[in-house]
């Protein structure tokens, strides 16, 4: 199955089981609990229309979520 080009905010919230507010905190270098902040959306709009580059997100998840002490 091919990787989508972009993930929406709603897609990420569902996949990571977090709220949009949590994504916002993770994207801020001062408030993220990870080694690096979540990549910023490449296309932004009000609501859940933000689009995140799928390759950047997949790499971030691999480097931060999968190897994190925060994952149960």
PDB file of N, CA and C in Angstrom:
ATOM      1  N   UNK A   1       0.839  -1.188   0.000  1.00  0.00           N
ATOM      2  CA  UNK A   1       0.000   0.000   0.000  1.00  0.00           C
ATOM      3  C   UNK A   1       0.881   1.247   0.000  1.00  0.00           C
ATOM      4  N   UNK A   2       0.581   2.174  -0.855  1.00  0.00           N
ATOM      5  CA  UNK A   2       1.384   3.383  -0.995  1.00  0.00           C
ATOM      6  C   UNK A   2       1.123   4.352   0.157  1.00  0.00           C
ATOM      7  N   UNK A   3       2.166   5.017   0.570  1.00  0.00           N
ATOM      8  CA  UNK A   3       2.080   6.026   1.612  1.00  0.00           C
ATOM      9  C   UNK A   3       1.360   7.247   1.038  1.00  0.00           C
ATOM     10  N   UNK A   4       0.385   7.819   1.770  1.00  0.00           N
ATOM     11  CA  UNK A   4      -0.256   9.032   1.253  1.00  0.00           C
ATOM     12  C   UNK A   4       0.753  10.174   1.231  1.00  0.00           C
ATOM     13  N   UNK A   5       0.500  11.158   0.384  1.00  0.00           N
ATOM     14  CA  UNK A   5       1.413  12.297   0.286  1.00  0.00           C
ATOM     15  C   UNK A   5       1.320  13.183   1.523  1.00  0.00           C
ATOM     16  N   UNK A   6       0.123  13.284   2.092  1.00  0.00           N
ATOM     17  CA  UNK A   6      -0.107  14.151   3.243  1.00  0.00           C
ATOM     18  C   UNK A   6      -1.021  13.463   4.248  1.00  0.00           C
ATOM     19  N   UNK A   7      -0.854  13.859   5.500  1.00  0.00           N
ATOM     20  CA  UNK A   7      -1.774  13.464   6.562  1.00  0.00           C
ATOM     21  C   UNK A   7      -2.494  14.720   7.034  1.00  0.00           C
ATOM     22  N   UNK A   8      -3.779  14.594   7.315  1.00  0.00           N
ATOM     23  CA  UNK A   8      -4.508  15.707   7.900  1.00  0.00           C
ATOM     24  C   UNK A   8      -4.314  15.678   9.414  1.00  0.00           C
ATOM     25  N   UNK A   9      -4.673  16.756  10.071  1.00  0.00           N
ATOM     26  CA  UNK A   9      -4.626  16.798  11.534  1.00  0.00           C
ATOM     27  C   UNK A   9      -5.475  15.675  12.101  1.00  0.00           C
ATOM     28  N   UNK A  10      -6.634  15.477  11.536  1.00  0.00           N
ATOM     29  CA  UNK A  10      -7.533  14.423  12.000  1.00  0.00           C
ATOM     30  C   UNK A  10      -6.900  13.037  11.837  1.00  0.00           C
ATOM     31  N   UNK A  11      -6.220  12.804  10.714  1.00  0.00           N
ATOM     32  CA  UNK A  11      -5.524  11.530  10.497  1.00  0.00           C
ATOM     33  C   UNK A  11      -4.489  11.280  11.592  1.00  0.00           C
ATOM     34  N   UNK A  12      -3.678  12.304  11.883  1.00  0.00           N
ATOM     35  CA  UNK A  12      -2.635  12.159  12.900  1.00  0.00           C
ATOM     36  C   UNK A  12      -3.218  11.955  14.286  1.00  0.00           C
ATOM     37  N   UNK A  13      -4.257  12.704  14.607  1.00  0.00           N
ATOM     38  CA  UNK A  13      -4.901  12.544  15.913  1.00  0.00           C
ATOM     39  C   UNK A  13      -5.415  11.120  16.091  1.00  0.00           C
ATOM     40  N   UNK A  14      -6.035  10.586  15.076  1.00  0.00           N
ATOM     41  CA  UNK A  14      -6.543   9.214  15.143  1.00  0.00           C
ATOM     42  C   UNK A  14      -5.417   8.199  15.240  1.00  0.00           C
ATOM     43  N   UNK A  15      -4.394   8.350  14.423  1.00  0.00           N
ATOM     44  CA  UNK A  15      -3.294   7.389  14.390  1.00  0.00           C
ATOM     45  C   UNK A  15      -2.489   7.390  15.685  1.00  0.00           C
ATOM     46  N   UNK A  16      -2.337   8.563  16.302  1.00  0.00           N
ATOM     47  CA  UNK A  16      -1.512   8.683  17.501  1.00  0.00           C
ATOM     48  C   UNK A  16      -2.333   8.711  18.787  1.00  0.00           C
ATOM     49  N   UNK A  17      -3.656   8.684  18.654  1.00  0.00           N
ATOM     50  CA  UNK A  17      -4.577   8.722  19.806  1.00  0.00           C
ATOM     51  C   UNK A  17      -4.335   9.938  20.697  1.00  0.00           C
ATOM     52  N   UNK A  18      -4.248  11.094  20.054  1.00  0.00           N
ATOM     53  CA  UNK A  18      -4.057  12.356  20.766  1.00  0.00           C
ATOM     54  C   UNK A  18      -5.010  13.403  20.206  1.00  0.00           C
ATOM     55  N   UNK A  19      -5.083  14.538  20.879  1.00  0.00           N
ATOM     56  CA  UNK A  19      -5.924  15.636  20.405  1.00  0.00           C
ATOM     57  C   UNK A  19      -5.119  16.578  19.511  1.00  0.00           C
ATOM     58  N   UNK A  20      -5.816  17.455  18.828  1.00  0.00           N
ATOM     59  CA  UNK A  20      -5.152  18.458  17.996  1.00  0.00           C
ATOM     60  C   UNK A  20      -4.290  19.369  18.867  1.00  0.00           C
ATOM     61  N   UNK A  21      -4.718  19.648  20.072  1.00  0.00           N
ATOM     62  CA  UNK A  21      -3.934  20.477  21.000  1.00  0.00           C
ATOM     63  C   UNK A  21      -2.605  19.795  21.328  1.00  0.00           C
ATOM     64  N   UNK A  22      -2.630  18.483  21.508  1.00  0.00           N
ATOM     65  CA  UNK A  22      -1.395  17.746  21.777  1.00  0.00           C
ATOM     66  C   UNK A  22      -0.457  17.832  20.586  1.00  0.00           C
ATOM     67  N   UNK A  23      -0.972  17.706  19.377  1.00  0.00           N
ATOM     68  CA  UNK A  23      -0.125  17.865  18.185  1.00  0.00           C
ATOM     69  C   UNK A  23       0.522  19.247  18.177  1.00  0.00           C
ATOM     70  N   UNK A  24      -0.246  20.244  18.545  1.00  0.00           N
ATOM     71  CA  UNK A  24       0.284  21.606  18.590  1.00  0.00           C
ATOM     72  C   UNK A  24       1.422  21.704  19.608  1.00  0.00           C
ATOM     73  N   UNK A  25       1.231  21.122  20.793  1.00  0.00           N
ATOM     74  CA  UNK A  25       2.292  21.137  21.804  1.00  0.00           C
ATOM     75  C   UNK A  25       3.524  20.388  21.327  1.00  0.00           C
ATOM     76  N   UNK A  26       3.327  19.254  20.671  1.00  0.00           N
ATOM     77  CA  UNK A  26       4.455  18.467  20.166  1.00  0.00           C
ATOM     78  C   UNK A  26       5.215  19.200  19.068  1.00  0.00           C
ATOM     79  N   UNK A  27       4.561  20.111  18.355  1.00  0.00           N
ATOM     80  CA  UNK A  27       5.228  20.837  17.269  1.00  0.00           C
ATOM     81  C   UNK A  27       6.032  22.030  17.783  1.00  0.00           C
ATOM     82  N   UNK A  28       5.871  22.355  19.055  1.00  0.00           N
ATOM     83  CA  UNK A  28       6.600  23.464  19.667  1.00  0.00           C
ATOM     84  C   UNK A  28       7.857  22.922  20.332  1.00  0.00           C
ATOM     85  N   UNK A  29       9.004  23.436  19.953  1.00  0.00           N
ATOM     86  CA  UNK A  29      10.273  22.911  20.482  1.00  0.00           C
ATOM     87  C   UNK A  29      10.408  23.104  21.992  1.00  0.00           C
ATOM     88  N   UNK A  30       9.677  24.043  22.571  1.00  0.00           N
ATOM     89  CA  UNK A  30       9.754  24.277  24.015  1.00  0.00           C
ATOM     90  C   UNK A  30       8.831  23.367  24.821  1.00  0.00           C
ATOM     91  N   UNK A  31       7.797  22.821  24.197  1.00  0.00           N
ATOM     92  CA  UNK A  31       6.829  22.018  24.951  1.00  0.00           C
ATOM     93  C   UNK A  31       6.767  20.555  24.542  1.00  0.00           C
ATOM     94  N   UNK A  32       7.515  20.158  23.527  1.00  0.00           N
ATOM     95  CA  UNK A  32       7.474  18.758  23.107  1.00  0.00           C
ATOM     96  C   UNK A  32       8.219  17.884  24.112  1.00  0.00           C
ATOM     97  N   UNK A  33       7.696  16.700  24.416  1.00  0.00           N
ATOM     98  CA  UNK A  33       8.418  15.794  25.310  1.00  0.00           C
ATOM     99  C   UNK A  33       9.443  14.938  24.571  1.00  0.00           C
ATOM    100  N   UNK A  34       9.589  15.148  23.279  1.00  0.00           N
ATOM    101  CA  UNK A  34      10.459  14.329  22.444  1.00  0.00           C
ATOM    102  C   UNK A  34      11.766  15.054  22.120  1.00  0.00           C
ATOM    103  N   UNK A  35      12.685  14.347  21.488  1.00  0.00           N
ATOM    104  CA  UNK A  35      13.979  14.928  21.127  1.00  0.00           C
ATOM    105  C   UNK A  35      13.861  16.040  20.100  1.00  0.00           C
ATOM    106  N   UNK A  36      12.868  15.960  19.259  1.00  0.00           N
ATOM    107  CA  UNK A  36      12.662  16.973  18.233  1.00  0.00           C
ATOM    108  C   UNK A  36      11.171  17.235  18.102  1.00  0.00           C
ATOM    109  N   UNK A  37      10.787  18.460  17.737  1.00  0.00           N
ATOM    110  CA  UNK A  37       9.362  18.759  17.600  1.00  0.00           C
ATOM    111  C   UNK A  37       8.740  18.082  16.385  1.00  0.00           C
ATOM    112  N   UNK A  38       7.441  17.895  16.458  1.00  0.00           N
ATOM    113  CA  UNK A  38       6.667  17.377  15.330  1.00  0.00           C
ATOM    114  C   UNK A  38       6.831  18.334  14.158  1.00  0.00           C
ATOM    115  N   UNK A  39       7.059  17.819  12.948  1.00  0.00           N
ATOM    116  CA  UNK A  39       7.172  18.731  11.795  1.00  0.00           C
ATOM    117  C   UNK A  39       5.914  19.582  11.636  1.00  0.00           C
ATOM    118  N   UNK A  40       6.119  20.813  11.267  1.00  0.00           N
ATOM    119  CA  UNK A  40       5.000  21.738  11.042  1.00  0.00           C
ATOM    120  C   UNK A  40       4.225  21.318   9.796  1.00  0.00           C
ATOM    121  N   UNK A  41       2.937  21.664   9.741  1.00  0.00           N
ATOM    122  CA  UNK A  41       2.168  21.358   8.529  1.00  0.00           C
ATOM    123  C   UNK A  41       2.743  22.105   7.329  1.00  0.00           C
ATOM    124  N   UNK A  42       2.658  21.470   6.178  1.00  0.00           N
ATOM    125  CA  UNK A  42       3.136  22.121   4.959  1.00  0.00           C
ATOM    126  C   UNK A  42       2.040  22.953   4.306  1.00  0.00           C
ATOM    127  N   UNK A  43       0.812  22.608   4.604  1.00  0.00           N
ATOM    128  CA  UNK A  43      -0.339  23.392   4.145  1.00  0.00           C
ATOM    129  C   UNK A  43      -1.226  23.602   5.356  1.00  0.00           C
ATOM    130  N   UNK A  44      -1.538  24.837   5.647  1.00  0.00           N
ATOM    131  CA  UNK A  44      -2.352  25.119   6.824  1.00  0.00           C
ATOM    132  C   UNK A  44      -3.659  25.793   6.451  1.00  0.00           C
ATOM    133  N   UNK A  45      -4.648  25.513   7.257  1.00  0.00           N
ATOM    134  CA  UNK A  45      -5.968  26.121   7.121  1.00  0.00           C
ATOM    135  C   UNK A  45      -6.672  25.972   8.460  1.00  0.00           C
ATOM    136  N   UNK A  46      -7.761  26.643   8.636  1.00  0.00           N
ATOM    137  CA  UNK A  46      -8.506  26.523   9.894  1.00  0.00           C
ATOM    138  C   UNK A  46      -9.049  25.117  10.076  1.00  0.00           C
ATOM    139  N   UNK A  47      -9.158  24.711  11.347  1.00  0.00           N
ATOM    140  CA  UNK A  47      -9.733  23.400  11.647  1.00  0.00           C
ATOM    141  C   UNK A  47      -8.771  22.278  11.325  1.00  0.00           C
ATOM    142  N   UNK A  48      -9.320  21.160  10.883  1.00  0.00           N
ATOM    143  CA  UNK A  48      -8.489  19.978  10.637  1.00  0.00           C
ATOM    144  C   UNK A  48      -8.018  19.881   9.189  1.00  0.00           C
ATOM    145  N   UNK A  49      -7.972  21.014   8.504  1.00  0.00           N
ATOM    146  CA  UNK A  49      -7.547  21.013   7.109  1.00  0.00           C
ATOM    147  C   UNK A  49      -6.033  21.104   6.938  1.00  0.00           C
ATOM    148  N   UNK A  50      -5.278  21.214   8.048  1.00  0.00           N
ATOM    149  CA  UNK A  50      -3.824  21.238   7.934  1.00  0.00           C
ATOM    150  C   UNK A  50      -3.350  19.943   7.300  1.00  0.00           C
ATOM    151  N   UNK A  51      -2.279  20.037   6.534  1.00  0.00           N
ATOM    152  CA  UNK A  51      -1.701  18.861   5.879  1.00  0.00           C
ATOM    153  C   UNK A  51      -0.236  18.762   6.254  1.00  0.00           C
ATOM    154  N   UNK A  52       0.145  17.565   6.690  1.00  0.00           N
ATOM    155  CA  UNK A  52       1.520  17.277   7.100  1.00  0.00           C
ATOM    156  C   UNK A  52       2.147  16.363   6.063  1.00  0.00           C
ATOM    157  N   UNK A  53       3.392  16.621   5.709  1.00  0.00           N
ATOM    158  CA  UNK A  53       4.112  15.784   4.761  1.00  0.00           C
ATOM    159  C   UNK A  53       4.256  14.381   5.352  1.00  0.00           C
ATOM    160  N   UNK A  54       3.745  13.386   4.661  1.00  0.00           N
ATOM    161  CA  UNK A  54       3.711  12.016   5.184  1.00  0.00           C
ATOM    162  C   UNK A  54       5.105  11.457   5.446  1.00  0.00           C
ATOM    163  N   UNK A  55       6.058  11.719   4.564  1.00  0.00           N
ATOM    164  CA  UNK A  55       7.417  11.196   4.761  1.00  0.00           C
ATOM    165  C   UNK A  55       8.064  11.795   6.003  1.00  0.00           C
ATOM    166  N   UNK A  56       7.858  13.094   6.221  1.00  0.00           N
ATOM    167  CA  UNK A  56       8.410  13.743   7.413  1.00  0.00           C
ATOM    168  C   UNK A  56       7.777  13.179   8.680  1.00  0.00           C
ATOM    169  N   UNK A  57       6.463  12.963   8.640  1.00  0.00           N
ATOM    170  CA  UNK A  57       5.749  12.433   9.802  1.00  0.00           C
ATOM    171  C   UNK A  57       6.179  11.008  10.100  1.00  0.00           C
ATOM    172  N   UNK A  58       6.283  10.182   9.084  1.00  0.00           N
ATOM    173  CA  UNK A  58       6.715   8.788   9.293  1.00  0.00           C
ATOM    174  C   UNK A  58       8.106   8.736   9.910  1.00  0.00           C
ATOM    175  N   UNK A  59       9.009   9.575   9.426  1.00  0.00           N
ATOM    176  CA  UNK A  59      10.370   9.617   9.976  1.00  0.00           C
ATOM    177  C   UNK A  59      10.344  10.114  11.422  1.00  0.00           C
ATOM    178  N   UNK A  60       9.530  11.128  11.700  1.00  0.00           N
ATOM    179  CA  UNK A  60       9.428  11.658  13.056  1.00  0.00           C
ATOM    180  C   UNK A  60       8.875  10.602  14.015  1.00  0.00           C
ATOM    181  N   UNK A  61       7.840   9.883  13.581  1.00  0.00           N
ATOM    182  CA  UNK A  61       7.262   8.822  14.420  1.00  0.00           C
ATOM    183  C   UNK A  61       8.316   7.757  14.710  1.00  0.00           C
ATOM    184  N   UNK A  62       9.041   7.353  13.697  1.00  0.00           N
ATOM    185  CA  UNK A  62      10.069   6.323  13.881  1.00  0.00           C
ATOM    186  C   UNK A  62      11.141   6.784  14.864  1.00  0.00           C
ATOM    187  N   UNK A  63      11.574   8.031  14.736  1.00  0.00           N
ATOM    188  CA  UNK A  63      12.653   8.546  15.575  1.00  0.00           C
ATOM    189  C   UNK A  63      12.212   8.978  16.965  1.00  0.00           C
ATOM    190  N   UNK A  64      10.941   9.308  17.143  1.00  0.00           N
ATOM    191  CA  UNK A  64      10.498   9.883  18.407  1.00  0.00           C
ATOM    192  C   UNK A  64       9.472   9.040  19.151  1.00  0.00           C
ATOM    193  N   UNK A  65       8.456   8.566  18.472  1.00  0.00           N
ATOM    194  CA  UNK A  65       7.391   7.812  19.135  1.00  0.00           C
ATOM    195  C   UNK A  65       7.814   6.366  19.384  1.00  0.00           C
ATOM    196  N   UNK A  66       8.284   5.698  18.363  1.00  0.00           N
ATOM    197  CA  UNK A  66       8.607   4.273  18.484  1.00  0.00           C
ATOM    198  C   UNK A  66       9.756   4.036  19.465  1.00  0.00           C
ATOM    199  N   UNK A  67      10.652   4.988  19.621  1.00  0.00           N
ATOM    200  CA  UNK A  67      11.800   4.832  20.504  1.00  0.00           C
ATOM    201  C   UNK A  67      11.639   5.616  21.808  1.00  0.00           C
ATOM    202  N   UNK A  68      10.415   6.035  22.116  1.00  0.00           N
ATOM    203  CA  UNK A  68      10.191   6.886  23.269  1.00  0.00           C
ATOM    204  C   UNK A  68       9.859   6.110  24.522  1.00  0.00           C
ATOM    205  N   UNK A  69      10.289   6.655  25.653  1.00  0.00           N
ATOM    206  CA  UNK A  69       9.899   6.098  26.948  1.00  0.00           C
ATOM    207  C   UNK A  69       8.442   6.439  27.276  1.00  0.00           C
ATOM    208  N   UNK A  70       7.826   7.322  26.482  1.00  0.00           N
ATOM    209  CA  UNK A  70       6.444   7.744  26.723  1.00  0.00           C
ATOM    210  C   UNK A  70       5.425   6.745  26.198  1.00  0.00           C
ATOM    211  N   UNK A  71       5.860   5.828  25.341  1.00  0.00           N
ATOM    212  CA  UNK A  71       4.947   4.843  24.757  1.00  0.00           C
ATOM    213  C   UNK A  71       4.741   3.716  25.767  1.00  0.00           C
ATOM    214  N   UNK A  72       3.476   3.374  25.973  1.00  0.00           N
ATOM    215  CA  UNK A  72       3.164   2.318  26.948  1.00  0.00           C
ATOM    216  C   UNK A  72       3.540   0.945  26.441  1.00  0.00           C
TER     217      UNK A  72
END
